[in-house]
Protein backbone atom coordinates (compact mmCIF):
# COMPACT_ATOMS: atom_id res chain seq x y z
CA MET A 1 -107.96 1.31 -37.00
CA SER A 2 -105.86 3.52 -38.40
CA ARG A 3 -104.07 2.12 -41.66
CA PHE A 4 -100.83 2.85 -38.76
CA ALA A 5 -102.48 1.24 -35.69
CA GLU A 6 -103.84 -2.04 -37.44
CA ASN A 7 -99.67 -2.02 -38.45
CA PHE A 8 -97.68 -1.23 -35.52
CA LEU A 9 -99.47 -1.57 -32.42
CA SER A 10 -101.25 -4.68 -30.20
CA PRO A 11 -104.69 -4.71 -30.61
CA ASP A 12 -105.48 -4.95 -27.72
CA GLN A 13 -104.54 -1.23 -26.07
CA PRO A 14 -104.42 -1.46 -21.74
CA PRO A 15 -106.16 1.83 -20.57
CA MET A 16 -104.40 5.20 -20.06
CA THR A 17 -102.30 5.03 -16.32
CA ARG A 18 -102.57 6.82 -13.40
CA ALA A 19 -99.77 9.28 -14.49
CA GLY A 20 -101.03 10.47 -16.78
CA TYR A 21 -99.96 8.92 -20.10
CA ALA A 22 -101.62 6.48 -22.60
CA VAL A 23 -100.83 3.02 -22.49
CA VAL A 24 -99.03 1.94 -25.77
CA LYS A 25 -98.35 -1.71 -27.04
CA PHE A 26 -96.69 -3.20 -30.60
CA SER A 27 -97.17 -5.57 -32.65
CA VAL A 28 -94.35 -7.28 -33.77
CA ARG A 29 -94.71 -5.79 -36.67
CA GLY A 30 -94.30 -1.99 -34.74
CA TRP A 31 -91.12 -4.03 -32.44
CA ILE A 32 -89.11 -4.66 -36.07
CA ALA A 33 -89.69 -1.27 -36.37
CA VAL A 34 -88.13 0.04 -33.60
CA GLY A 35 -85.28 -1.81 -33.34
CA ALA A 36 -85.29 -0.48 -36.80
CA VAL A 37 -84.84 2.65 -36.41
CA LEU A 38 -82.67 1.94 -33.22
CA LEU A 39 -80.01 0.22 -35.46
CA LEU A 40 -80.06 2.86 -37.74
CA VAL A 41 -79.00 5.38 -35.33
CA MET A 42 -76.28 3.14 -33.77
CA LEU A 43 -75.04 1.86 -37.29
CA PRO A 44 -72.81 5.35 -38.49
CA SER A 45 -70.20 4.83 -35.37
CA LEU A 46 -68.93 2.24 -37.52
CA LEU A 47 -67.77 4.73 -39.39
CA LEU A 48 -66.31 6.78 -37.05
CA PRO A 49 -62.18 7.02 -36.29
CA LEU A 50 -61.09 5.95 -33.41
CA GLY A 51 -60.60 9.00 -30.55
CA PRO A 52 -57.40 9.65 -28.23
CA ASP A 53 -57.81 7.25 -25.56
CA GLN A 54 -59.68 5.08 -27.38
CA ALA A 55 -56.81 4.53 -29.93
CA LEU A 56 -54.24 4.23 -26.80
CA PHE A 57 -56.63 1.16 -25.01
CA PHE A 58 -56.36 -0.04 -29.30
CA VAL A 59 -52.76 -0.05 -29.11
CA SER A 60 -52.35 -1.52 -25.51
CA GLY A 61 -54.91 -3.79 -26.54
CA GLN A 62 -52.41 -4.94 -28.95
CA LYS A 63 -49.80 -5.38 -25.92
CA ILE A 64 -51.97 -7.32 -23.97
CA LEU A 65 -52.48 -9.74 -27.34
CA GLN A 66 -48.69 -9.54 -27.73
CA GLY A 67 -48.18 -10.59 -23.60
CA ALA A 68 -48.07 -7.37 -22.13
CA VAL A 69 -49.71 -6.89 -18.58
CA HIS A 70 -51.34 -4.11 -17.02
CA TYR A 71 -49.35 -1.79 -14.86
CA ARG A 72 -45.92 -3.39 -15.25
CA ASP A 73 -45.88 -2.81 -19.52
CA ILE A 74 -48.43 -0.94 -19.93
CA VAL A 75 -48.65 2.19 -17.73
CA ASP A 76 -51.41 4.20 -17.43
CA VAL A 77 -54.13 4.89 -14.39
CA LYS A 78 -57.16 3.50 -14.60
CA PRO A 79 -57.73 -0.28 -14.21
CA PRO A 80 -57.01 -3.18 -16.35
CA LEU A 81 -60.44 -4.81 -17.18
CA ILE A 82 -61.09 -2.16 -20.12
CA TYR A 83 -58.13 -2.88 -22.30
CA HIS A 84 -58.05 -6.70 -22.32
CA MET A 85 -61.95 -5.79 -23.67
CA TYR A 86 -60.26 -3.85 -26.43
CA ALA A 87 -57.75 -6.98 -26.18
CA LEU A 88 -61.02 -9.34 -27.04
CA ALA A 89 -63.05 -6.90 -29.32
CA ILE A 90 -59.55 -7.46 -31.17
CA THR A 91 -59.28 -10.82 -30.80
CA LEU A 92 -63.25 -11.32 -31.58
CA PHE A 93 -63.61 -9.51 -34.83
CA THR A 94 -60.67 -7.66 -36.92
CA GLY A 95 -57.54 -5.61 -35.96
CA HIS A 96 -58.65 -2.81 -36.71
CA ALA A 97 -60.09 -0.18 -34.82
CA ILE A 98 -63.55 -0.79 -36.46
CA ALA A 99 -63.57 -3.91 -34.41
CA ILE A 100 -63.41 -0.90 -31.29
CA ARG A 101 -66.96 0.26 -32.92
CA ILE A 102 -68.29 -3.23 -33.81
CA PHE A 103 -67.98 -4.06 -29.80
CA ASP A 104 -69.32 -0.96 -28.75
CA LEU A 105 -72.44 -1.15 -30.82
CA LEU A 106 -72.71 -4.37 -29.45
CA LEU A 107 -72.90 -3.25 -26.26
CA GLN A 108 -75.13 -0.70 -26.71
CA ALA A 109 -77.61 -3.08 -28.71
CA LEU A 110 -77.30 -5.15 -25.42
CA THR A 111 -77.99 -2.18 -22.83
CA CYS A 112 -80.98 -1.28 -25.65
CA ARG A 113 -82.39 -4.83 -24.66
CA VAL A 114 -81.77 -4.69 -21.37
CA MET A 115 -83.56 -1.28 -20.28
CA ILE A 116 -86.13 -1.91 -22.79
CA GLY A 117 -87.03 -5.05 -21.43
CA LEU A 118 -87.23 -3.55 -17.51
CA VAL A 119 -89.27 -0.53 -18.65
CA ARG A 120 -91.51 -2.63 -20.57
CA ARG A 121 -92.11 -4.61 -17.41
CA VAL A 122 -92.61 -1.88 -15.01
CA SER A 123 -94.93 -0.06 -17.49
CA SER A 124 -96.43 -2.55 -19.61
CA ASN A 125 -95.99 0.15 -22.18
CA ASP A 126 -93.94 -0.46 -24.97
CA LEU A 127 -93.91 4.04 -26.66
CA ILE A 128 -91.91 4.58 -23.35
CA ALA A 129 -89.88 1.94 -23.78
CA ALA A 130 -88.84 2.69 -27.20
CA LEU A 131 -88.19 5.75 -26.53
CA ALA A 132 -85.91 5.58 -23.55
CA ALA A 133 -83.70 3.03 -25.56
CA LEU A 134 -83.80 5.61 -28.67
CA CYS A 135 -83.00 8.64 -26.52
CA TYR A 136 -79.95 6.80 -24.44
CA LEU A 137 -78.64 6.09 -27.79
CA LEU A 138 -78.93 10.11 -28.95
CA LEU A 139 -77.94 11.52 -25.71
CA TYR A 140 -75.18 9.11 -26.14
CA TYR A 141 -73.53 9.03 -30.30
CA ALA A 142 -74.54 12.79 -29.79
CA GLN A 143 -71.11 13.67 -28.14
CA ASP A 144 -67.76 13.60 -30.54
CA PHE A 145 -66.70 10.50 -31.66
CA ALA A 146 -63.57 10.17 -28.59
CA SER A 147 -66.46 9.67 -26.56
CA GLN A 148 -67.79 6.17 -27.15
CA ALA A 149 -66.29 3.01 -26.28
CA GLN A 150 -64.75 4.03 -22.71
CA PRO A 151 -64.93 2.39 -19.69
CA GLU A 152 -67.95 4.99 -18.99
CA SER A 153 -70.01 3.01 -21.65
CA PHE A 154 -70.30 0.04 -19.78
CA VAL A 155 -72.29 1.36 -16.85
CA GLY A 156 -75.13 1.29 -18.52
CA LEU A 157 -75.58 -2.69 -18.71
CA GLY A 158 -73.79 -3.20 -15.09
CA GLY A 159 -76.30 -0.78 -13.91
CA LEU A 160 -79.60 -1.86 -15.77
CA LEU A 161 -78.90 -5.39 -14.91
CA ILE A 162 -78.56 -4.22 -11.38
CA ALA A 163 -81.81 -3.02 -11.04
CA ARG A 164 -83.87 -5.83 -12.24
CA MET A 165 -82.21 -8.14 -10.06
CA ILE A 166 -82.98 -5.61 -7.71
CA LEU A 167 -86.35 -4.88 -8.11
CA PHE A 168 -87.70 -8.58 -9.69
CA GLY A 169 -85.39 -11.22 -8.24
CA GLU A 170 -86.74 -13.88 -5.85
CA SER A 171 -84.22 -15.84 -4.63
CA ARG A 172 -81.60 -13.92 -2.49
CA ARG A 173 -78.90 -15.46 -4.19
CA ARG A 174 -79.07 -12.88 -6.54
CA PHE A 175 -77.42 -10.46 -3.72
CA PRO A 176 -73.67 -11.61 -4.42
CA GLY A 177 -74.42 -11.31 -8.16
CA ILE A 178 -75.12 -7.93 -8.05
CA GLY A 179 -71.92 -7.17 -5.91
CA ALA A 180 -70.30 -8.74 -8.29
CA ILE A 181 -71.67 -6.58 -11.45
CA CYS A 182 -70.48 -3.94 -8.92
CA GLY A 183 -67.10 -5.48 -8.48
CA ALA A 184 -66.46 -5.53 -12.71
CA LEU A 185 -67.71 -2.02 -12.78
CA PHE A 186 -64.95 -1.54 -10.57
CA LEU A 187 -62.82 -3.18 -12.51
CA PHE A 188 -63.09 -0.83 -15.66
CA LYS A 189 -62.67 2.64 -13.17
CA PHE A 190 -62.33 2.83 -9.40
CA THR A 191 -64.78 5.14 -9.17
CA PHE A 192 -67.47 2.99 -10.51
CA GLY A 193 -67.55 0.81 -7.44
CA MET A 194 -70.12 3.64 -6.23
CA MET A 195 -72.48 1.25 -7.65
CA LEU A 196 -72.04 -0.84 -5.11
CA PRO A 197 -73.33 1.78 -2.72
CA ILE A 198 -75.83 2.84 -4.67
CA ALA A 199 -77.13 -1.17 -4.63
CA ILE A 200 -77.52 -1.71 -1.36
CA LEU A 201 -79.05 2.15 -1.36
CA ALA A 202 -81.89 0.94 -4.00
CA GLY A 203 -82.45 -2.61 -1.92
CA TRP A 204 -82.87 -1.13 1.55
CA MET A 205 -85.49 1.97 -0.21
CA LEU A 206 -87.45 -0.23 -2.45
CA ARG A 207 -88.06 -3.17 -0.83
CA ALA A 208 -90.14 -3.76 2.53
CA GLY A 209 -88.31 -5.24 4.74
CA SER A 210 -86.65 -6.11 8.14
CA LEU A 211 -83.53 -4.26 9.08
CA ARG A 212 -81.99 -7.44 9.08
CA ASN A 213 -82.73 -8.92 6.52
CA THR A 214 -81.24 -5.67 4.79
CA VAL A 215 -78.28 -6.17 6.17
CA LYS A 216 -77.80 -9.89 5.16
CA ASP A 217 -78.74 -8.43 1.34
CA ALA A 218 -75.93 -5.66 1.98
CA VAL A 219 -73.55 -8.08 3.72
CA MET A 220 -73.84 -10.43 -0.02
CA MET A 221 -73.10 -8.02 -1.79
CA ILE A 222 -70.55 -6.81 -0.56
CA GLY A 223 -68.60 -10.01 -0.61
CA GLY A 224 -69.63 -10.96 -4.59
CA PHE A 225 -68.06 -7.31 -4.87
CA ILE A 226 -64.54 -8.15 -2.89
CA ALA A 227 -64.85 -11.90 -4.68
CA VAL A 228 -64.24 -9.77 -8.11
CA ALA A 229 -62.26 -6.89 -6.96
CA SER A 230 -59.84 -9.29 -5.68
CA LEU A 231 -59.39 -10.42 -8.80
CA LEU A 232 -57.02 -6.97 -8.93
CA PRO A 233 -54.78 -8.10 -6.38
CA ILE A 234 -54.41 -12.06 -7.74
CA TYR A 235 -53.26 -10.35 -11.12
CA LEU A 236 -50.85 -8.03 -9.44
CA THR A 237 -49.68 -10.49 -7.98
CA ALA A 238 -50.11 -13.20 -10.58
CA PHE A 239 -48.04 -10.96 -13.06
CA GLY A 240 -45.40 -9.16 -10.43
CA ALA A 241 -46.56 -5.75 -11.02
CA TRP A 242 -47.74 -4.68 -7.24
CA HIS A 243 -44.51 -2.29 -8.10
CA ASP A 244 -45.94 -0.86 -10.62
CA PHE A 245 -48.91 -0.39 -9.31
CA MET A 246 -47.71 1.59 -6.26
CA LEU A 247 -46.13 3.12 -9.15
CA VAL A 248 -49.45 4.64 -10.59
CA ASN A 249 -50.54 5.55 -7.40
CA ARG A 250 -48.54 7.34 -6.40
CA PHE A 251 -48.71 9.73 -9.90
CA ILE A 252 -52.39 9.34 -8.86
CA SER A 253 -51.97 10.68 -5.74
CA GLY A 254 -50.21 14.15 -7.34
CA TYR A 255 -52.61 14.16 -10.36
CA SER A 256 -55.53 14.87 -7.74
CA ARG A 257 -53.66 17.24 -5.77
CA ILE A 258 -53.87 19.79 -8.71
CA SER A 259 -57.44 19.43 -8.53
CA LEU A 260 -57.51 20.20 -5.26
CA ALA A 261 -55.30 22.98 -5.66
CA SER A 262 -57.64 25.95 -5.50
CA PRO A 263 -60.88 24.83 -3.94
CA ALA A 264 -62.91 28.25 -5.23
CA GLN A 265 -61.44 26.89 -9.11
CA TRP A 266 -62.64 23.51 -7.54
CA PHE A 267 -66.18 24.98 -6.61
CA ARG A 268 -66.52 27.29 -9.92
CA ASN A 269 -65.53 24.51 -12.09
CA LEU A 270 -68.17 22.23 -10.37
CA LEU A 271 -70.52 25.19 -11.00
CA GLU A 272 -70.02 25.99 -14.47
CA HIS A 273 -69.13 22.76 -16.29
CA PRO A 274 -72.20 20.06 -15.46
CA ALA A 275 -74.59 23.27 -15.89
CA LEU A 276 -72.68 23.43 -19.33
CA HIS A 277 -73.06 19.74 -19.89
CA LEU A 278 -76.73 19.35 -19.14
CA CYS A 279 -78.09 22.29 -20.86
CA ASP A 280 -75.91 22.41 -23.93
CA HIS A 281 -75.21 18.97 -24.38
CA TYR A 282 -77.84 16.62 -22.50
CA SER A 283 -80.15 19.48 -23.85
CA ILE A 284 -82.87 21.63 -22.73
CA VAL A 285 -86.04 19.78 -23.89
CA PHE A 286 -84.32 16.80 -22.08
CA LEU A 287 -83.35 17.84 -18.96
CA LEU A 288 -87.22 19.42 -19.06
CA ALA A 289 -88.81 15.94 -19.20
CA LEU A 290 -85.47 14.43 -16.77
CA ALA A 291 -87.10 16.88 -14.13
CA VAL A 292 -90.70 15.61 -14.84
CA GLY A 293 -89.09 11.92 -14.61
CA VAL A 294 -87.10 12.53 -11.27
CA GLY A 295 -91.05 14.08 -10.20
CA LEU A 296 -92.55 11.40 -10.83
CA SER A 297 -90.31 9.22 -8.91
CA LEU A 298 -91.13 11.40 -5.76
CA ARG A 299 -95.50 10.57 -6.98
CA ARG A 300 -97.27 8.15 -3.80
CA PRO A 301 -98.06 5.22 -6.08
CA GLY A 302 -101.01 3.30 -7.05
CA GLU A 303 -100.43 -0.79 -6.65
CA ARG A 304 -100.14 -0.37 -10.07
CA ASP A 305 -97.22 1.68 -10.71
CA ILE A 306 -94.82 0.29 -7.32
CA THR A 307 -92.57 -1.01 -9.43
CA ARG A 308 -92.53 2.06 -11.66
CA GLU A 309 -92.07 4.27 -9.23
CA SER A 310 -89.16 2.28 -8.10
CA LEU A 311 -87.59 2.07 -11.36
CA LEU A 312 -87.30 5.91 -11.75
CA ARG A 313 -85.85 6.16 -8.12
CA PHE A 314 -83.44 3.30 -8.39
CA CYS A 315 -82.47 5.65 -11.73
CA VAL A 316 -82.29 8.96 -9.71
CA ILE A 317 -80.81 7.04 -6.67
CA ALA A 318 -78.00 5.98 -9.72
CA PHE A 319 -78.01 9.43 -11.80
CA VAL A 320 -77.01 11.56 -8.44
CA LEU A 321 -74.41 8.86 -6.71
CA LEU A 322 -72.94 8.26 -10.34
CA PHE A 323 -72.73 12.28 -10.53
CA GLY A 324 -70.98 12.47 -7.32
CA THR A 325 -67.84 9.82 -9.00
CA ILE A 326 -67.67 12.37 -11.39
CA VAL A 327 -67.02 15.67 -9.03
CA ILE A 328 -64.55 13.39 -7.19
CA GLU A 329 -62.85 12.90 -10.25
CA GLY A 330 -63.04 16.88 -10.63
CA LYS A 331 -63.01 16.36 -14.79
CA TYR A 332 -65.30 17.16 -16.64
CA ALA A 333 -65.41 15.68 -20.23
CA PHE A 334 -68.04 14.79 -22.42
CA TYR A 335 -67.84 11.13 -22.19
CA HIS A 336 -67.48 11.54 -18.38
CA PHE A 337 -71.19 12.05 -18.05
CA ASP A 338 -72.23 9.45 -20.47
CA ARG A 339 -72.40 7.05 -16.85
CA LEU A 340 -75.56 9.00 -16.23
CA TYR A 341 -77.68 8.11 -20.19
CA PRO A 342 -78.66 5.01 -19.36
CA PHE A 343 -80.49 6.57 -15.84
CA GLY A 344 -81.05 9.68 -17.59
CA ALA A 345 -82.86 8.42 -20.67
CA ILE A 346 -85.68 6.42 -18.67
CA LEU A 347 -86.78 8.89 -16.52
CA THR A 348 -86.02 11.42 -19.27
CA ALA A 349 -88.31 9.19 -21.92
CA PHE A 350 -91.48 8.53 -18.87
CA GLY A 351 -91.23 12.84 -18.09
CA LEU A 352 -91.55 12.97 -22.12
CA ALA A 353 -94.35 10.51 -22.04
CA ALA A 354 -95.88 12.65 -19.65
CA ILE A 355 -95.85 16.03 -20.45
CA PRO A 356 -98.36 16.41 -22.76
CA ARG A 357 -100.89 15.35 -20.05
CA LEU A 358 -99.13 18.31 -17.95
CA PHE A 359 -100.43 20.91 -20.64
CA ARG A 360 -103.65 19.22 -20.55
CA ASN A 361 -103.83 19.55 -16.95
CA HIS A 362 -103.53 23.37 -16.84
CA GLY A 363 -105.58 24.51 -19.61
CA ALA A 364 -103.67 23.73 -22.73
CA GLU A 365 -106.57 21.17 -24.10
CA ARG A 366 -107.71 24.85 -25.38
CA VAL A 367 -103.96 25.01 -28.47
CA ARG A 368 -105.33 22.55 -31.37
CA GLY A 369 -102.95 19.25 -32.51
CA PRO A 370 -101.47 21.23 -35.22
CA VAL A 371 -100.43 24.12 -33.05
CA MET A 372 -99.00 21.32 -30.77
CA PHE A 373 -97.45 20.28 -33.66
CA ALA A 374 -95.79 23.10 -34.72
CA ILE A 375 -94.38 23.98 -31.39
CA ALA A 376 -93.46 20.46 -30.77
CA ILE A 377 -90.91 19.80 -33.78
CA PRO A 378 -89.34 22.89 -34.08
CA ALA A 379 -88.54 21.88 -29.88
CA LEU A 380 -87.21 18.40 -31.14
CA LEU A 381 -84.64 19.85 -33.63
CA LEU A 382 -83.52 22.11 -32.20
CA PHE A 383 -83.01 21.93 -28.43
CA THR A 384 -82.41 17.80 -28.22
CA PRO A 385 -79.58 16.08 -28.47
CA ILE A 386 -80.74 15.44 -31.95
CA PRO A 387 -78.60 18.00 -34.11
CA ARG A 388 -75.73 17.64 -32.04
CA TYR A 389 -75.79 14.09 -32.75
CA ALA A 390 -76.45 14.94 -36.90
CA VAL A 391 -73.23 16.67 -36.67
CA ASN A 392 -71.03 14.03 -34.44
CA CYS A 393 -72.23 11.10 -35.66
CA ALA A 394 -74.34 10.88 -38.59
CA GLY A 395 -72.31 13.95 -40.19
CA ILE A 396 -68.54 13.15 -39.39
CA ALA A 397 -69.61 9.13 -40.49
CA TRP A 398 -70.94 10.89 -43.84
CA GLN A 399 -67.80 12.55 -44.18
CA MET A 400 -65.16 9.74 -43.59
CA TRP A 401 -66.29 7.27 -46.11
CA ARG A 402 -67.32 10.14 -48.40
CA TYR A 403 -63.29 11.13 -48.31
CA ASP A 404 -62.33 7.87 -47.55
CA GLY A 405 -60.59 8.50 -44.00
CA PHE A 406 -60.26 12.17 -42.10
CA PRO A 407 -60.92 15.29 -43.77
CA GLU A 408 -59.19 18.39 -43.29
CA ASN A 409 -62.18 20.67 -42.67
CA MET A 410 -63.50 18.65 -40.18
CA ALA A 411 -59.59 19.76 -38.72
CA ALA A 412 -60.76 23.13 -37.17
CA ASP A 413 -64.08 21.79 -35.28
CA ASP A 414 -63.48 21.18 -31.75
CA TYR A 415 -66.20 18.68 -31.87
CA SER A 416 -64.89 16.26 -34.97
CA GLY A 417 -61.17 15.80 -32.32
CA GLY A 418 -59.44 19.52 -33.22
CA VAL A 419 -56.69 20.59 -34.88
CA THR A 420 -54.00 18.17 -33.31
CA GLY A 421 -56.45 15.23 -33.09
CA TRP A 422 -56.36 15.12 -37.13
CA GLN A 423 -52.79 16.47 -37.31
CA ALA A 424 -52.31 13.58 -35.08
CA ARG A 425 -53.21 11.23 -37.77
CA GLU A 426 -51.88 12.67 -40.29
CA THR A 427 -48.07 12.26 -38.37
CA GLY A 428 -49.12 8.46 -37.74
CA LEU A 429 -49.95 7.78 -41.56
CA LEU A 430 -46.51 10.35 -42.54
CA ILE A 431 -44.79 7.19 -40.45
CA ARG A 432 -46.99 3.94 -41.58
CA MET A 433 -45.89 5.50 -45.26
CA TRP A 434 -42.41 5.63 -44.31
CA ILE A 435 -42.51 1.91 -43.19
CA GLU A 436 -44.51 0.37 -45.98
CA GLN A 437 -41.53 2.05 -48.26
CA GLY A 438 -39.18 -0.53 -46.34
CA HIS A 439 -38.07 2.11 -43.78
CA THR A 440 -38.51 -0.05 -40.95
CA GLY A 441 -37.47 0.26 -37.32
CA LYS A 442 -38.27 1.61 -33.89
CA VAL A 443 -41.04 4.36 -33.51
CA PHE A 444 -41.08 6.45 -30.22
CA VAL A 445 -43.82 8.92 -29.87
CA ALA A 446 -43.69 12.15 -27.09
CA SER A 447 -47.08 13.46 -27.16
CA SER A 448 -50.99 13.55 -24.96
CA THR A 449 -51.68 12.15 -28.42
CA ALA A 450 -49.41 9.02 -28.51
CA GLY A 451 -52.20 6.20 -28.72
CA THR A 452 -53.51 7.60 -32.10
CA ILE A 453 -49.79 8.26 -33.43
CA TYR A 454 -49.13 4.63 -33.10
CA GLN A 455 -52.60 3.49 -34.19
CA GLN A 456 -52.47 5.38 -37.67
CA ALA A 457 -48.91 3.70 -38.09
CA GLY A 458 -49.79 0.79 -37.28
CA VAL A 459 -47.08 0.08 -34.95
CA VAL A 460 -47.23 -1.56 -31.61
CA PRO A 461 -45.44 0.38 -29.39
CA GLU A 462 -42.57 -1.33 -27.65
CA PHE A 463 -42.09 0.59 -23.81
CA ASN A 464 -44.42 1.10 -21.66
CA ILE A 465 -45.10 5.09 -21.50
CA ASN A 466 -47.61 5.68 -23.78
CA HIS A 467 -49.07 9.29 -22.31
CA PHE A 468 -46.08 11.64 -21.99
CA ALA A 469 -47.62 13.25 -19.03
CA PHE A 470 -46.52 10.40 -17.68
CA VAL A 471 -43.60 12.00 -17.96
CA THR A 472 -44.16 15.78 -17.83
CA ALA A 473 -45.78 15.96 -14.53
CA PRO A 474 -42.97 16.60 -11.66
CA PHE A 475 -44.76 14.35 -9.55
CA ALA A 476 -44.03 11.95 -11.82
CA PRO A 477 -42.16 8.92 -10.03
CA ARG A 478 -38.11 9.60 -11.20
CA GLU A 479 -38.27 5.50 -11.85
CA TRP A 480 -40.17 6.40 -14.98
CA LYS A 481 -38.61 9.53 -16.06
CA ASP A 482 -35.10 7.22 -15.98
CA SER A 483 -36.69 4.56 -17.93
CA THR A 484 -37.98 7.07 -20.65
CA ARG A 485 -34.65 8.30 -21.08
CA ALA A 486 -32.62 5.12 -20.82
CA TYR A 487 -34.18 3.45 -23.40
CA ILE A 488 -34.19 6.09 -26.11
CA LEU A 489 -30.22 6.81 -25.45
CA ARG A 490 -30.09 2.77 -25.68
CA GLU A 491 -32.04 1.92 -28.52
CA GLN A 492 -32.51 4.87 -30.68
CA PRO A 493 -35.20 4.47 -32.18
CA ARG A 494 -35.53 5.44 -36.14
CA TYR A 495 -38.35 7.29 -35.37
CA ILE A 496 -38.97 9.54 -32.41
CA VAL A 497 -42.15 12.35 -32.21
CA ALA A 498 -42.19 14.78 -30.06
CA GLU A 499 -45.59 17.20 -29.99
CA THR A 500 -45.37 20.77 -29.52
CA SER A 501 -48.24 22.03 -27.99
CA ASP A 502 -49.31 19.62 -25.67
CA ARG A 503 -49.11 21.99 -22.30
CA LEU A 504 -51.05 19.94 -20.04
CA PRO A 505 -51.49 22.04 -16.57
CA ASP A 506 -54.41 20.44 -15.53
CA VAL A 507 -53.00 17.36 -15.87
CA THR A 508 -49.64 17.54 -15.40
CA GLY A 509 -49.37 20.54 -12.97
CA SER A 510 -46.49 21.78 -15.83
CA ASN A 511 -46.56 24.04 -18.87
CA ALA A 512 -44.20 21.90 -20.15
CA SER A 513 -45.62 20.62 -24.02
CA SER A 514 -43.69 16.73 -25.01
CA LEU A 515 -41.02 18.34 -26.82
CA GLU A 516 -39.80 20.60 -24.43
CA THR A 517 -40.00 17.02 -21.46
CA LEU A 518 -37.47 15.47 -23.74
CA ARG A 519 -35.44 17.29 -24.64
CA ALA A 520 -34.86 18.05 -21.07
CA LEU A 521 -34.01 14.76 -20.18
CA PRO A 522 -30.69 14.62 -19.50
CA GLY A 523 -28.72 13.24 -22.78
CA VAL A 524 -31.48 13.04 -25.41
CA ASP A 525 -31.18 17.10 -26.80
CA SER A 526 -27.50 16.46 -27.65
CA LEU A 527 -28.28 12.98 -29.14
CA LEU A 528 -31.44 14.18 -31.23
CA ARG A 529 -28.95 16.77 -32.37
CA ALA A 530 -26.17 14.16 -33.30
CA ARG A 531 -27.96 11.69 -34.85
CA TYR A 532 -31.34 12.70 -36.18
CA ASP A 533 -32.75 14.93 -38.99
CA SER A 534 -36.13 16.65 -38.06
CA LEU A 535 -38.99 18.16 -40.01
CA ARG A 536 -42.19 19.47 -39.34
CA SER A 537 -46.00 17.85 -39.65
CA GLY A 538 -49.12 18.83 -38.51
CA ASP A 539 -48.17 22.07 -39.67
CA THR A 540 -45.81 22.46 -36.92
CA THR A 541 -47.91 20.35 -33.78
CA PHE A 542 -45.59 17.73 -34.37
CA ILE A 543 -42.02 17.58 -34.80
CA VAL A 544 -40.71 14.23 -36.52
CA PHE A 545 -36.97 12.96 -35.91
CA LYS A 546 -35.76 10.42 -38.35
CA GLN A 547 -32.17 8.82 -38.17
CA ARG A 548 -29.77 10.81 -40.01
CA GLY A 549 -29.16 9.12 -43.81
CA ASP A 550 -32.80 8.22 -44.07
CA GLN A 551 -34.44 8.93 -47.40
């Protein structure tokens, strides 16, 4: 036995499986090495800044800790749970942005732990289990830094716990628990309620049982789902937020009509964006391995491989139906695909393990090891998420550490948040500097990146609308527009920041920028001209209005 095998592999190695890959068992020292590698992949994320959504969640979490109520005091389309998770992270760790990164790292570490345990149990193969976790982390952190710590980040843990309960649970009492997990995911994002049909369908397809028992199981899952999902109406009733919730739903109705206004454009986006993401961001090698993993799920299993095929089939069901939720939402930002990665990573890991056997079965055994090595290494370095991870996660983390902040040279790169994201940070830091110099006062931001400016300025926003799309959109409730105007005229904040370039017709149905919308509010333009001086910040992307007389 080689020195490597002696150090990292268990001496009792099982035989090759029917699927064609060798079963590998790690020693304790081997698992320590795996844990170290996974930790090294995650650690750079602690140095990453917050993206616009994360910054908005962050300042909303700060507001919740001060007694704010979602929908009533925080206007946004997502359910309350993600904001309360941010509040929890701020409470548990620090009051700074790194609290979110620490919380997310622990969440992904726990997701990997559940994933490894599940794959080991169905395959008895430690190598595939470790490979699945590594694939997941590379996919998750290879996106731009704004794509982590999103509602999608919780889907993996919840979905894998559901898979474990379906495949290995014995007591029927687990079914209300499965429904409860689905209900919790629903409170992160309404479309995540799709996990309930996924669980019901998987329970019916993967566990042999009578139709009567299947219906009973589904009823218990639905009951658990309703028990948790009903916390939302209880929350709205207890804090008097029903009216505000209905205003948000009115906005969502108008927002949904935008993507459906042109069926041809909707279909074009469906054909273009997922294909681009899967081939580029998911990567060619991982996509091919994913296809092999799906093929393995369709095999007729031998007695020893039944649970393995069941897990793979669960992952296929979850991947396909959760992809359907992306289509329903009609938006294809990077982070929307995060919900697919836990299940795709497992399929990819099994596919990667089976690919060498496929080569051997098709005559490639004549290819010598060095030649295969020469082919595999460039493929891994060029056509997997590894190079994207090196740039988007490790590379940005290194620059953040080197420059002790967000360096200007990163602003021109789309993967790093783009020009607007960098300039929003600079604008927020400018306001922070003025406040620290003693020029305290209220701050109001009219921008699609308002959360970033508030977070960088160290200001907890007083007003309830912190994304100006809720004012710009023609279909936004009149009450929101009137309350925005009334707040500005009544409070006359010391600093008013307005963005000049955030035209978002696919979100608002309007080509107006936040500055144009702000000036169009009756009486606001006159106030700005009469009582404020202005300066341009962020290379004219933002205009900062300061009350006249400030130095």
